[in-house]
C-alpha cells in the first residue's frame, strides 16, 4: 500500500433486482491523506451502505460531494441498463461499469491500489488490486464506493417510479419483493425490467 499514491475502493449496487440498472461506484483517496487525523475523524462511523439508513446514506453522499469539491476525494458511479444486462449478462455488465468508473477517475494504474468488494475484479492493467470478502465493512474506500453506488441508483429508481407508477419502484428500488411480484402479475414487464431475471417468476408481460 505504501508504494502506491492512491487507494481506490470499488463496490456495486443493484446486482439482484428485477428492474433497473446495476451501478458500480469507485471512490479514490490519496494514501497520504488517509493517514491524517482529520481524514480519520471524517471517516469515523462509516459503514457499508446496506447497514445505513437511507437518510444516513444521503448525508454521507453529501459529505462526499463536499470532499470532492475540496479536492481530496474523487468518486464516480457508472450504471448499465436493464436492456444491456439482458443482452450482456449481469457479470459482464458489472465489469463494463467497473472499468468505466475507473477510467472516469483518471488514475494511473501503476500508482493505484484498488480494493474491491466480494468477487469483483479490476482490469488487468491495475496490477495492485485486492478483492476483499465483506470489504464494504472493512475498508473505508469500499464503503464510500458502496454509498455512492447505492445513493445514485436509488435516486434514479425514484425518478423512474414516476414514469412507471404501477410497480412501487420508489419503495423496493426494483428488488423482487412480494409487492413488486404482485405488480408484475397485474401489469406485466415494463421497459426497465430485466427479462432475463424475471423468467424464473413464470410469467411475462402482457
N, C-alpha and C. Protein backbone atom coordinates (compact mmCIF):
# COMPACT_ATOMS: atom_id res chain seq x y z
N UNK A 1 0.83 -1.21 0.00
CA UNK A 1 0.00 0.00 0.00
C UNK A 1 0.86 1.25 0.00
N UNK A 2 2.03 1.20 0.69
CA UNK A 2 2.87 2.38 0.81
C UNK A 2 3.47 2.77 -0.53
N UNK A 3 3.59 1.83 -1.48
CA UNK A 3 4.20 2.12 -2.76
C UNK A 3 3.25 2.84 -3.71
N UNK A 4 1.98 2.80 -3.41
CA UNK A 4 1.01 3.44 -4.28
C UNK A 4 0.60 4.81 -3.71
N UNK A 5 0.24 5.70 -4.60
CA UNK A 5 -0.16 7.04 -4.15
C UNK A 5 -1.64 7.12 -3.81
N UNK A 6 -2.45 6.33 -4.52
CA UNK A 6 -3.90 6.41 -4.32
C UNK A 6 -4.47 5.05 -3.94
N UNK A 7 -5.54 5.11 -3.17
CA UNK A 7 -6.33 3.92 -2.87
C UNK A 7 -7.71 4.14 -3.46
N UNK A 8 -8.17 3.19 -4.26
CA UNK A 8 -9.50 3.25 -4.84
C UNK A 8 -10.32 2.08 -4.30
N UNK A 9 -11.48 2.38 -3.75
CA UNK A 9 -12.42 1.35 -3.33
C UNK A 9 -13.51 1.20 -4.37
N UNK A 10 -13.95 -0.04 -4.59
CA UNK A 10 -14.99 -0.29 -5.59
C UNK A 10 -16.05 -1.24 -5.03
N UNK A 11 -17.30 -0.90 -5.27
CA UNK A 11 -18.42 -1.77 -4.89
C UNK A 11 -19.56 -1.55 -5.86
N UNK A 12 -20.49 -2.49 -5.88
CA UNK A 12 -21.64 -2.38 -6.78
C UNK A 12 -22.94 -2.36 -5.99
N UNK A 13 -23.99 -1.88 -6.64
CA UNK A 13 -25.34 -1.89 -6.07
C UNK A 13 -26.31 -2.27 -7.18
N UNK A 14 -27.26 -3.13 -6.83
CA UNK A 14 -28.27 -3.49 -7.82
C UNK A 14 -27.94 -4.71 -8.65
N UNK A 15 -27.20 -5.64 -8.10
CA UNK A 15 -26.89 -6.86 -8.84
C UNK A 15 -28.14 -7.73 -9.00
N UNK A 16 -28.98 -7.79 -7.97
CA UNK A 16 -30.06 -8.76 -7.96
C UNK A 16 -31.47 -8.31 -8.31
N UNK A 17 -31.76 -7.01 -8.44
CA UNK A 17 -33.13 -6.57 -8.70
C UNK A 17 -33.72 -7.09 -10.00
N UNK A 18 -35.04 -7.06 -10.07
CA UNK A 18 -35.76 -7.45 -11.28
C UNK A 18 -35.87 -6.29 -12.25
N UNK A 19 -35.65 -5.07 -11.76
CA UNK A 19 -35.80 -3.88 -12.61
C UNK A 19 -34.69 -2.89 -12.34
N UNK A 20 -34.43 -2.09 -13.35
CA UNK A 20 -33.45 -1.01 -13.21
C UNK A 20 -32.03 -1.46 -13.49
N UNK A 21 -31.11 -0.49 -13.47
CA UNK A 21 -29.71 -0.77 -13.82
C UNK A 21 -28.93 -1.39 -12.67
N UNK A 22 -27.75 -1.83 -12.98
CA UNK A 22 -26.76 -2.14 -11.97
C UNK A 22 -25.81 -0.96 -11.92
N UNK A 23 -25.33 -0.62 -10.73
CA UNK A 23 -24.44 0.53 -10.55
C UNK A 23 -23.14 0.09 -9.91
N UNK A 24 -22.04 0.64 -10.38
CA UNK A 24 -20.73 0.39 -9.78
C UNK A 24 -20.14 1.72 -9.34
N UNK A 25 -19.76 1.80 -8.07
CA UNK A 25 -19.15 3.00 -7.53
C UNK A 25 -17.66 2.81 -7.30
N UNK A 26 -16.89 3.87 -7.50
CA UNK A 26 -15.46 3.87 -7.24
C UNK A 26 -15.13 5.15 -6.47
N UNK A 27 -14.38 5.01 -5.37
CA UNK A 27 -14.01 6.16 -4.55
C UNK A 27 -12.50 6.15 -4.33
N UNK A 28 -11.85 7.29 -4.56
CA UNK A 28 -10.39 7.37 -4.52
C UNK A 28 -9.91 8.43 -3.54
N UNK A 29 -8.94 8.05 -2.70
CA UNK A 29 -8.33 8.97 -1.74
C UNK A 29 -6.81 8.81 -1.83
N UNK A 30 -6.09 9.92 -1.68
CA UNK A 30 -4.63 9.90 -1.62
C UNK A 30 -4.21 9.15 -0.36
N UNK A 31 -3.24 8.24 -0.50
CA UNK A 31 -2.76 7.45 0.65
C UNK A 31 -2.30 8.35 1.78
N UNK A 32 -1.60 9.43 1.45
CA UNK A 32 -1.11 10.33 2.49
C UNK A 32 -2.26 10.98 3.24
N UNK A 33 -3.35 11.23 2.56
CA UNK A 33 -4.49 11.87 3.20
C UNK A 33 -5.17 10.92 4.19
N UNK A 34 -5.22 9.64 3.85
CA UNK A 34 -5.86 8.65 4.75
C UNK A 34 -5.17 8.62 6.10
N UNK A 35 -3.87 8.88 6.12
CA UNK A 35 -3.11 8.83 7.37
C UNK A 35 -3.34 10.05 8.26
N UNK A 36 -3.91 11.09 7.73
CA UNK A 36 -4.11 12.31 8.51
C UNK A 36 -5.24 12.14 9.51
N UNK A 37 -5.06 12.71 10.68
CA UNK A 37 -6.07 12.58 11.74
C UNK A 37 -7.40 13.18 11.32
N UNK A 38 -7.35 14.27 10.57
CA UNK A 38 -8.59 14.92 10.14
C UNK A 38 -9.41 13.98 9.26
N UNK A 39 -8.73 13.28 8.35
CA UNK A 39 -9.43 12.35 7.47
C UNK A 39 -9.93 11.14 8.25
N UNK A 40 -9.13 10.65 9.18
CA UNK A 40 -9.54 9.52 10.00
C UNK A 40 -10.79 9.87 10.80
N UNK A 41 -10.85 11.11 11.29
CA UNK A 41 -12.03 11.55 12.03
C UNK A 41 -13.23 11.65 11.10
N UNK A 42 -13.00 12.13 9.88
CA UNK A 42 -14.07 12.25 8.88
C UNK A 42 -14.66 10.88 8.56
N UNK A 43 -13.82 9.87 8.51
CA UNK A 43 -14.25 8.52 8.16
C UNK A 43 -14.89 7.76 9.32
N UNK A 44 -14.80 8.31 10.52
CA UNK A 44 -15.34 7.62 11.69
C UNK A 44 -16.85 7.41 11.54
N UNK A 45 -17.27 6.22 11.82
CA UNK A 45 -18.70 5.91 11.73
C UNK A 45 -19.14 5.45 10.36
N UNK A 46 -18.19 5.38 9.43
CA UNK A 46 -18.53 4.95 8.09
C UNK A 46 -18.80 3.45 8.07
N UNK A 47 -19.88 3.06 7.45
CA UNK A 47 -20.25 1.65 7.36
C UNK A 47 -20.76 1.35 5.96
N UNK A 48 -20.86 0.08 5.67
CA UNK A 48 -21.43 -0.36 4.40
C UNK A 48 -22.80 0.28 4.21
N UNK A 49 -23.09 0.70 3.00
CA UNK A 49 -24.34 1.41 2.73
C UNK A 49 -25.57 0.60 3.08
N UNK A 50 -25.48 -0.73 3.00
CA UNK A 50 -26.65 -1.57 3.31
C UNK A 50 -26.98 -1.54 4.78
N UNK A 51 -26.03 -1.10 5.62
CA UNK A 51 -26.27 -1.04 7.06
C UNK A 51 -26.60 0.37 7.53
N UNK A 52 -26.68 1.29 6.61
CA UNK A 52 -27.05 2.66 6.92
C UNK A 52 -28.49 2.91 6.50
N UNK A 53 -29.16 3.77 7.21
CA UNK A 53 -30.49 4.17 6.79
C UNK A 53 -30.37 5.02 5.52
N UNK A 54 -31.48 5.16 4.81
CA UNK A 54 -31.46 5.98 3.60
C UNK A 54 -31.04 7.40 3.92
N UNK A 55 -31.50 7.92 5.04
CA UNK A 55 -31.14 9.27 5.44
C UNK A 55 -29.64 9.39 5.68
N UNK A 56 -29.06 8.41 6.36
CA UNK A 56 -27.62 8.43 6.63
C UNK A 56 -26.81 8.31 5.34
N UNK A 57 -27.29 7.47 4.43
CA UNK A 57 -26.58 7.35 3.14
C UNK A 57 -26.57 8.68 2.41
N UNK A 58 -27.71 9.37 2.42
CA UNK A 58 -27.78 10.66 1.76
C UNK A 58 -26.84 11.67 2.43
N UNK A 59 -26.75 11.60 3.75
CA UNK A 59 -25.86 12.51 4.48
C UNK A 59 -24.41 12.24 4.08
N UNK A 60 -24.04 10.97 4.01
CA UNK A 60 -22.68 10.63 3.62
C UNK A 60 -22.40 11.03 2.17
N UNK A 61 -23.38 10.87 1.31
CA UNK A 61 -23.21 11.26 -0.08
C UNK A 61 -22.96 12.76 -0.17
N UNK A 62 -23.67 13.53 0.62
CA UNK A 62 -23.45 14.97 0.66
C UNK A 62 -22.05 15.31 1.15
N UNK A 63 -21.58 14.60 2.16
CA UNK A 63 -20.22 14.81 2.65
C UNK A 63 -19.19 14.46 1.58
N UNK A 64 -19.47 13.42 0.83
CA UNK A 64 -18.56 13.02 -0.24
C UNK A 64 -18.50 14.08 -1.33
N UNK A 65 -19.63 14.68 -1.65
CA UNK A 65 -19.65 15.74 -2.66
C UNK A 65 -18.83 16.94 -2.21
N UNK A 66 -18.91 17.29 -0.93
CA UNK A 66 -18.11 18.40 -0.40
C UNK A 66 -16.63 18.06 -0.47
N UNK A 67 -16.27 16.84 -0.06
CA UNK A 67 -14.87 16.40 -0.09
C UNK A 67 -14.33 16.41 -1.51
N UNK A 68 -15.17 16.05 -2.47
CA UNK A 68 -14.75 16.06 -3.86
C UNK A 68 -14.51 17.48 -4.34
N UNK A 69 -15.38 18.40 -3.91
CA UNK A 69 -15.19 19.81 -4.27
C UNK A 69 -13.91 20.36 -3.65
N UNK A 70 -13.57 19.86 -2.45
CA UNK A 70 -12.34 20.30 -1.77
C UNK A 70 -11.09 19.68 -2.40
N UNK A 71 -11.27 18.66 -3.21
CA UNK A 71 -10.16 18.11 -3.98
C UNK A 71 -9.41 16.95 -3.37
N UNK A 72 -9.87 16.42 -2.22
CA UNK A 72 -9.11 15.31 -1.62
C UNK A 72 -9.82 13.96 -1.74
N UNK A 73 -11.01 13.95 -2.28
CA UNK A 73 -11.74 12.71 -2.56
C UNK A 73 -12.29 12.81 -3.98
N UNK A 74 -12.23 11.70 -4.69
CA UNK A 74 -12.86 11.64 -6.02
C UNK A 74 -13.70 10.38 -6.07
N UNK A 75 -14.88 10.50 -6.65
CA UNK A 75 -15.69 9.30 -6.81
C UNK A 75 -16.47 9.37 -8.11
N UNK A 76 -16.82 8.18 -8.60
CA UNK A 76 -17.55 8.06 -9.85
C UNK A 76 -18.49 6.88 -9.76
N UNK A 77 -19.64 7.00 -10.41
CA UNK A 77 -20.61 5.91 -10.47
C UNK A 77 -21.01 5.70 -11.92
N UNK A 78 -20.96 4.45 -12.35
CA UNK A 78 -21.39 4.11 -13.70
C UNK A 78 -22.50 3.06 -13.59
N UNK A 79 -23.50 3.18 -14.49
CA UNK A 79 -24.62 2.26 -14.48
C UNK A 79 -24.80 1.60 -15.84
N UNK A 80 -25.31 0.38 -15.82
CA UNK A 80 -25.64 -0.35 -17.04
C UNK A 80 -27.12 -0.70 -16.98
N UNK A 81 -27.84 -0.40 -18.04
CA UNK A 81 -29.30 -0.53 -18.07
C UNK A 81 -29.77 -1.97 -18.05
N UNK A 82 -31.05 -2.15 -17.75
CA UNK A 82 -31.66 -3.47 -17.77
C UNK A 82 -31.55 -4.11 -19.14
N UNK A 83 -31.71 -3.31 -20.18
CA UNK A 83 -31.61 -3.84 -21.55
C UNK A 83 -30.23 -4.40 -21.82
N UNK A 84 -29.20 -3.67 -21.37
CA UNK A 84 -27.83 -4.14 -21.56
C UNK A 84 -27.54 -5.36 -20.71
N UNK A 85 -28.12 -5.41 -19.51
CA UNK A 85 -27.95 -6.58 -18.65
C UNK A 85 -28.54 -7.81 -19.34
N UNK A 86 -29.72 -7.65 -19.94
CA UNK A 86 -30.33 -8.76 -20.67
C UNK A 86 -29.46 -9.20 -21.84
N UNK A 87 -28.81 -8.24 -22.47
CA UNK A 87 -28.01 -8.55 -23.66
C UNK A 87 -26.65 -9.14 -23.31
N UNK A 88 -26.02 -8.58 -22.29
CA UNK A 88 -24.65 -8.97 -21.95
C UNK A 88 -24.55 -10.00 -20.83
N UNK A 89 -25.53 -9.98 -19.91
CA UNK A 89 -25.41 -10.75 -18.68
C UNK A 89 -24.98 -9.83 -17.55
N UNK A 90 -25.27 -10.22 -16.31
CA UNK A 90 -25.01 -9.32 -15.19
C UNK A 90 -23.52 -9.17 -14.91
N UNK A 91 -22.75 -10.26 -14.94
CA UNK A 91 -21.32 -10.17 -14.63
C UNK A 91 -20.57 -9.31 -15.65
N UNK A 92 -20.76 -9.51 -16.96
CA UNK A 92 -20.09 -8.62 -17.93
C UNK A 92 -20.54 -7.16 -17.80
N UNK A 93 -21.81 -6.96 -17.43
CA UNK A 93 -22.31 -5.59 -17.27
C UNK A 93 -21.62 -4.90 -16.10
N UNK A 94 -21.44 -5.63 -15.01
CA UNK A 94 -20.74 -5.06 -13.85
C UNK A 94 -19.29 -4.77 -14.21
N UNK A 95 -18.66 -5.68 -14.92
CA UNK A 95 -17.27 -5.48 -15.33
C UNK A 95 -17.13 -4.25 -16.21
N UNK A 96 -18.08 -4.06 -17.11
CA UNK A 96 -18.04 -2.90 -18.01
C UNK A 96 -18.18 -1.60 -17.21
N UNK A 97 -19.14 -1.56 -16.27
CA UNK A 97 -19.34 -0.37 -15.46
C UNK A 97 -18.13 -0.10 -14.57
N UNK A 98 -17.53 -1.14 -14.04
CA UNK A 98 -16.35 -1.01 -13.19
C UNK A 98 -15.19 -0.38 -13.96
N UNK A 99 -14.96 -0.88 -15.15
CA UNK A 99 -13.88 -0.35 -15.98
C UNK A 99 -14.08 1.12 -16.29
N UNK A 100 -15.32 1.50 -16.61
CA UNK A 100 -15.61 2.89 -16.94
C UNK A 100 -15.49 3.80 -15.73
N UNK A 101 -15.91 3.29 -14.56
CA UNK A 101 -15.79 4.09 -13.33
C UNK A 101 -14.32 4.40 -13.04
N UNK A 102 -13.44 3.41 -13.21
CA UNK A 102 -12.01 3.65 -13.00
C UNK A 102 -11.48 4.65 -14.03
N UNK A 103 -11.91 4.54 -15.27
CA UNK A 103 -11.47 5.49 -16.29
C UNK A 103 -11.89 6.91 -15.92
N UNK A 104 -13.09 7.04 -15.38
CA UNK A 104 -13.58 8.37 -15.03
C UNK A 104 -12.78 9.01 -13.90
N UNK A 105 -12.14 8.18 -13.07
CA UNK A 105 -11.29 8.73 -12.00
C UNK A 105 -9.94 9.18 -12.55
N UNK A 106 -9.61 8.75 -13.77
CA UNK A 106 -8.39 9.18 -14.44
C UNK A 106 -7.15 8.93 -13.59
N UNK A 107 -7.08 7.73 -13.02
CA UNK A 107 -5.94 7.37 -12.17
C UNK A 107 -4.96 6.49 -12.93
N UNK A 108 -3.68 6.63 -12.58
CA UNK A 108 -2.61 5.84 -13.18
C UNK A 108 -2.55 4.47 -12.49
N UNK A 109 -2.76 3.38 -13.21
CA UNK A 109 -2.74 2.05 -12.58
C UNK A 109 -1.46 1.77 -11.80
N UNK A 110 -0.33 2.26 -12.26
CA UNK A 110 0.94 1.99 -11.60
C UNK A 110 1.02 2.62 -10.22
N UNK A 111 0.25 3.67 -10.00
CA UNK A 111 0.30 4.41 -8.73
C UNK A 111 -0.93 4.17 -7.86
N UNK A 112 -1.71 3.16 -8.21
CA UNK A 112 -3.01 2.99 -7.56
C UNK A 112 -3.20 1.59 -7.01
N UNK A 113 -3.65 1.52 -5.75
CA UNK A 113 -4.08 0.27 -5.14
C UNK A 113 -5.60 0.22 -5.22
N UNK A 114 -6.13 -0.82 -5.83
CA UNK A 114 -7.58 -0.96 -5.99
C UNK A 114 -8.08 -2.03 -5.02
N UNK A 115 -9.02 -1.65 -4.17
CA UNK A 115 -9.64 -2.57 -3.23
C UNK A 115 -11.07 -2.82 -3.67
N UNK A 116 -11.43 -4.08 -3.84
CA UNK A 116 -12.73 -4.42 -4.39
C UNK A 116 -13.51 -5.31 -3.44
N UNK A 117 -14.81 -5.08 -3.42
CA UNK A 117 -15.67 -5.88 -2.55
C UNK A 117 -16.03 -7.21 -3.20
N UNK A 118 -16.16 -8.25 -2.36
CA UNK A 118 -16.69 -9.53 -2.80
C UNK A 118 -15.87 -10.18 -3.89
N UNK A 119 -16.52 -10.49 -5.01
CA UNK A 119 -15.85 -11.17 -6.11
C UNK A 119 -15.47 -10.27 -7.26
N UNK A 120 -15.48 -8.96 -7.04
CA UNK A 120 -15.17 -8.02 -8.12
C UNK A 120 -13.69 -8.05 -8.48
N UNK A 121 -13.40 -7.80 -9.75
CA UNK A 121 -12.03 -7.73 -10.24
C UNK A 121 -11.87 -6.48 -11.09
N UNK A 122 -10.72 -5.83 -10.95
CA UNK A 122 -10.40 -4.67 -11.78
C UNK A 122 -9.70 -5.15 -13.05
N UNK A 123 -9.64 -4.30 -14.09
CA UNK A 123 -8.89 -4.67 -15.30
C UNK A 123 -7.45 -5.05 -14.98
N UNK A 124 -6.86 -5.88 -15.83
CA UNK A 124 -5.54 -6.45 -15.57
C UNK A 124 -4.44 -5.39 -15.44
N UNK A 125 -4.64 -4.24 -16.09
CA UNK A 125 -3.59 -3.22 -16.01
C UNK A 125 -3.42 -2.68 -14.59
N UNK A 126 -4.42 -2.88 -13.74
CA UNK A 126 -4.30 -2.50 -12.34
C UNK A 126 -3.66 -3.67 -11.59
N UNK A 127 -2.33 -3.71 -11.65
CA UNK A 127 -1.59 -4.84 -11.07
C UNK A 127 -1.73 -4.88 -9.55
N UNK A 128 -1.94 -3.73 -8.95
CA UNK A 128 -2.06 -3.66 -7.50
C UNK A 128 -3.55 -3.63 -7.13
N UNK A 129 -4.12 -4.79 -6.99
CA UNK A 129 -5.54 -4.88 -6.63
C UNK A 129 -5.76 -6.02 -5.66
N UNK A 130 -6.79 -5.85 -4.84
CA UNK A 130 -7.11 -6.87 -3.83
C UNK A 130 -8.62 -6.97 -3.68
N UNK A 131 -9.12 -8.18 -3.83
CA UNK A 131 -10.54 -8.43 -3.62
C UNK A 131 -10.75 -8.88 -2.18
N UNK A 132 -11.66 -8.23 -1.48
CA UNK A 132 -11.85 -8.47 -0.05
C UNK A 132 -13.29 -8.90 0.22
N UNK A 133 -13.46 -10.06 0.81
CA UNK A 133 -14.79 -10.51 1.20
C UNK A 133 -15.32 -9.59 2.30
N UNK A 134 -16.54 -9.12 2.10
CA UNK A 134 -17.15 -8.14 3.01
C UNK A 134 -16.27 -6.89 3.14
N UNK A 135 -15.64 -6.54 2.03
CA UNK A 135 -14.77 -5.37 2.03
C UNK A 135 -15.50 -4.09 2.36
N UNK A 136 -16.81 -4.05 2.04
CA UNK A 136 -17.60 -2.84 2.33
C UNK A 136 -17.73 -2.60 3.83
N UNK A 137 -17.44 -3.62 4.64
CA UNK A 137 -17.49 -3.48 6.09
C UNK A 137 -16.10 -3.23 6.69
N UNK A 138 -15.06 -3.46 5.89
CA UNK A 138 -13.70 -3.43 6.42
C UNK A 138 -12.86 -2.27 5.92
N UNK A 139 -13.11 -1.81 4.69
CA UNK A 139 -12.28 -0.78 4.08
C UNK A 139 -13.09 0.48 3.81
N UNK A 140 -12.68 1.63 4.37
CA UNK A 140 -13.45 2.87 4.20
C UNK A 140 -13.67 3.26 2.75
N UNK A 141 -12.67 3.07 1.88
CA UNK A 141 -12.86 3.48 0.49
C UNK A 141 -13.92 2.62 -0.20
N UNK A 142 -13.99 1.33 0.17
CA UNK A 142 -15.03 0.47 -0.40
C UNK A 142 -16.40 0.89 0.13
N UNK A 143 -16.46 1.25 1.40
CA UNK A 143 -17.72 1.73 1.97
C UNK A 143 -18.21 2.98 1.26
N UNK A 144 -17.28 3.90 0.97
CA UNK A 144 -17.66 5.11 0.24
C UNK A 144 -18.17 4.77 -1.16
N UNK A 145 -17.51 3.83 -1.82
CA UNK A 145 -17.96 3.41 -3.14
C UNK A 145 -19.35 2.78 -3.07
N UNK A 146 -19.59 2.01 -2.02
CA UNK A 146 -20.89 1.39 -1.82
C UNK A 146 -21.99 2.43 -1.66
N UNK A 147 -21.70 3.45 -0.86
CA UNK A 147 -22.66 4.53 -0.65
C UNK A 147 -22.93 5.28 -1.95
N UNK A 148 -21.87 5.60 -2.68
CA UNK A 148 -22.03 6.33 -3.94
C UNK A 148 -22.91 5.54 -4.91
N UNK A 149 -22.65 4.24 -5.03
CA UNK A 149 -23.42 3.42 -5.96
C UNK A 149 -24.87 3.29 -5.53
N UNK A 150 -25.07 3.05 -4.25
CA UNK A 150 -26.43 2.85 -3.73
C UNK A 150 -27.27 4.12 -3.84
N UNK A 151 -26.73 5.24 -3.43
CA UNK A 151 -27.49 6.50 -3.46
C UNK A 151 -27.81 6.89 -4.90
N UNK A 152 -26.82 6.78 -5.78
CA UNK A 152 -27.04 7.16 -7.18
C UNK A 152 -28.12 6.29 -7.81
N UNK A 153 -28.06 4.99 -7.55
CA UNK A 153 -29.07 4.08 -8.13
C UNK A 153 -30.44 4.33 -7.52
N UNK A 154 -30.51 4.50 -6.21
CA UNK A 154 -31.81 4.72 -5.55
C UNK A 154 -32.48 5.99 -6.07
N UNK A 155 -31.69 7.03 -6.27
CA UNK A 155 -32.26 8.28 -6.79
C UNK A 155 -32.85 8.06 -8.17
N UNK A 156 -32.13 7.30 -9.00
CA UNK A 156 -32.65 7.00 -10.33
C UNK A 156 -33.94 6.21 -10.26
N UNK A 157 -34.00 5.21 -9.37
CA UNK A 157 -35.20 4.39 -9.27
C UNK A 157 -36.40 5.21 -8.81
N UNK A 158 -36.17 6.20 -7.98
CA UNK A 158 -37.26 7.09 -7.57
C UNK A 158 -37.77 7.92 -8.75
N UNK A 159 -36.85 8.35 -9.60
CA UNK A 159 -37.28 9.10 -10.79
C UNK A 159 -38.03 8.18 -11.75
N UNK A 160 -37.55 6.96 -11.90
CA UNK A 160 -38.22 6.01 -12.79
C UNK A 160 -39.60 5.62 -12.26
N UNK A 161 -39.77 5.68 -10.95
CA UNK A 161 -41.07 5.34 -10.36
C UNK A 161 -42.16 6.28 -10.85
N UNK A 162 -41.81 7.52 -11.17
CA UNK A 162 -42.79 8.47 -11.67
C UNK A 162 -43.19 8.14 -13.12
N UNK A 163 -42.26 7.55 -13.85
CA UNK A 163 -42.53 7.16 -15.23
C UNK A 163 -43.29 5.83 -15.30
N UNK A 164 -43.01 4.98 -14.32
CA UNK A 164 -43.66 3.66 -14.26
C UNK A 164 -44.32 3.50 -12.89
N UNK A 165 -45.46 4.15 -12.69
CA UNK A 165 -46.06 4.26 -11.35
C UNK A 165 -46.72 2.99 -10.83
N UNK A 166 -46.86 1.96 -11.64
CA UNK A 166 -47.62 0.78 -11.22
C UNK A 166 -46.82 -0.20 -10.36
N UNK A 167 -45.53 0.02 -10.22
CA UNK A 167 -44.69 -1.03 -9.65
C UNK A 167 -44.15 -0.74 -8.24
N UNK A 168 -44.28 0.48 -7.77
CA UNK A 168 -43.76 0.81 -6.44
C UNK A 168 -42.24 0.87 -6.38
N UNK A 169 -41.63 1.28 -7.48
CA UNK A 169 -40.17 1.29 -7.54
C UNK A 169 -39.54 2.19 -6.50
N UNK A 170 -40.25 3.23 -6.10
CA UNK A 170 -39.70 4.15 -5.11
C UNK A 170 -39.54 3.49 -3.75
N UNK A 171 -40.25 2.38 -3.54
CA UNK A 171 -40.20 1.67 -2.25
C UNK A 171 -39.13 0.57 -2.28
N UNK A 172 -39.23 -0.33 -3.24
CA UNK A 172 -38.33 -1.50 -3.26
C UNK A 172 -37.14 -1.36 -4.18
N UNK A 173 -37.08 -0.27 -4.95
CA UNK A 173 -35.96 0.03 -5.85
C UNK A 173 -35.71 -1.07 -6.88
N UNK A 174 -36.76 -1.81 -7.23
CA UNK A 174 -36.63 -2.82 -8.27
C UNK A 174 -36.39 -4.23 -7.77
N UNK A 175 -36.16 -4.40 -6.48
CA UNK A 175 -35.92 -5.74 -5.94
C UNK A 175 -37.22 -6.55 -5.96
N UNK A 176 -37.06 -7.85 -5.90
CA UNK A 176 -38.20 -8.75 -6.08
C UNK A 176 -39.03 -8.99 -4.85
N UNK A 177 -39.57 -7.94 -4.26
CA UNK A 177 -40.44 -8.08 -3.11
C UNK A 177 -41.78 -8.67 -3.52
N UNK A 178 -42.56 -9.10 -2.52
CA UNK A 178 -43.88 -9.65 -2.81
C UNK A 178 -44.76 -8.62 -3.53
N UNK A 179 -44.67 -7.37 -3.08
CA UNK A 179 -45.46 -6.31 -3.72
C UNK A 179 -45.05 -6.11 -5.17
N UNK A 180 -43.76 -6.15 -5.42
CA UNK A 180 -43.26 -5.98 -6.79
C UNK A 180 -43.71 -7.14 -7.67
N UNK A 181 -43.60 -8.35 -7.17
CA UNK A 181 -44.01 -9.52 -7.96
C UNK A 181 -45.51 -9.47 -8.25
N UNK A 182 -46.29 -9.00 -7.26
CA UNK A 182 -47.72 -8.86 -7.48
C UNK A 182 -48.03 -7.85 -8.57
N UNK A 183 -47.29 -6.73 -8.58
CA UNK A 183 -47.48 -5.71 -9.60
C UNK A 183 -47.11 -6.25 -10.98
N UNK A 184 -46.09 -7.08 -11.04
CA UNK A 184 -45.71 -7.68 -12.31
C UNK A 184 -46.80 -8.61 -12.84
N UNK A 185 -47.43 -9.32 -11.95
CA UNK A 185 -48.52 -10.22 -12.39
C UNK A 185 -49.69 -9.41 -12.95
N UNK A 186 -49.92 -8.25 -12.35
CA UNK A 186 -51.04 -7.43 -12.80
C UNK A 186 -50.72 -6.63 -14.06
N UNK A 187 -49.51 -6.13 -14.16
CA UNK A 187 -49.19 -5.17 -15.22
C UNK A 187 -48.16 -5.67 -16.23
N UNK A 188 -47.53 -6.80 -15.95
CA UNK A 188 -46.52 -7.30 -16.86
C UNK A 188 -45.21 -6.54 -16.74
N UNK A 189 -44.28 -6.83 -17.62
CA UNK A 189 -42.95 -6.22 -17.59
C UNK A 189 -42.95 -4.85 -18.26
N UNK A 190 -42.19 -3.94 -17.69
CA UNK A 190 -42.01 -2.63 -18.30
C UNK A 190 -40.71 -2.61 -19.08
N UNK A 191 -40.40 -1.49 -19.67
CA UNK A 191 -39.17 -1.35 -20.46
C UNK A 191 -37.92 -1.40 -19.60
N UNK A 192 -38.05 -1.19 -18.30
CA UNK A 192 -36.87 -1.18 -17.42
C UNK A 192 -36.73 -2.45 -16.61
N UNK A 193 -37.57 -3.45 -16.91
CA UNK A 193 -37.42 -4.73 -16.22
C UNK A 193 -36.40 -5.61 -16.94
N UNK A 194 -35.70 -6.41 -16.14
CA UNK A 194 -34.72 -7.35 -16.68
C UNK A 194 -35.45 -8.65 -17.03
N UNK A 195 -35.70 -8.82 -18.28
CA UNK A 195 -36.43 -10.02 -18.72
C UNK A 195 -35.71 -11.30 -18.31
N UNK A 196 -34.39 -11.28 -18.39
CA UNK A 196 -33.60 -12.46 -18.05
C UNK A 196 -33.70 -12.80 -16.57
N UNK A 197 -34.03 -11.81 -15.74
CA UNK A 197 -34.18 -12.06 -14.30
C UNK A 197 -35.61 -12.48 -13.96
N UNK A 198 -36.57 -12.09 -14.79
CA UNK A 198 -37.97 -12.33 -14.48
C UNK A 198 -38.49 -13.67 -15.00
N UNK A 199 -37.69 -14.38 -15.79
CA UNK A 199 -38.16 -15.66 -16.33
C UNK A 199 -38.46 -16.66 -15.23
N UNK A 200 -37.73 -16.58 -14.14
CA UNK A 200 -37.95 -17.52 -13.04
C UNK A 200 -39.27 -17.29 -12.31
N UNK A 201 -39.90 -16.15 -12.60
CA UNK A 201 -41.19 -15.87 -11.97
C UNK A 201 -42.33 -16.55 -12.70
N UNK A 202 -42.04 -17.11 -13.88
CA UNK A 202 -43.01 -17.90 -14.63
C UNK A 202 -44.20 -17.08 -15.17
N UNK A 203 -43.97 -15.82 -15.42
CA UNK A 203 -44.96 -15.03 -16.15
C UNK A 203 -44.24 -13.97 -16.94
N UNK A 204 -44.93 -13.45 -17.96
CA UNK A 204 -44.32 -12.47 -18.84
C UNK A 204 -45.23 -11.26 -18.97
N UNK A 205 -44.73 -10.29 -19.69
CA UNK A 205 -45.50 -9.05 -19.88
C UNK A 205 -46.73 -9.33 -20.73
N UNK A 206 -47.72 -8.48 -20.52
CA UNK A 206 -48.96 -8.58 -21.29
C UNK A 206 -48.73 -8.07 -22.70
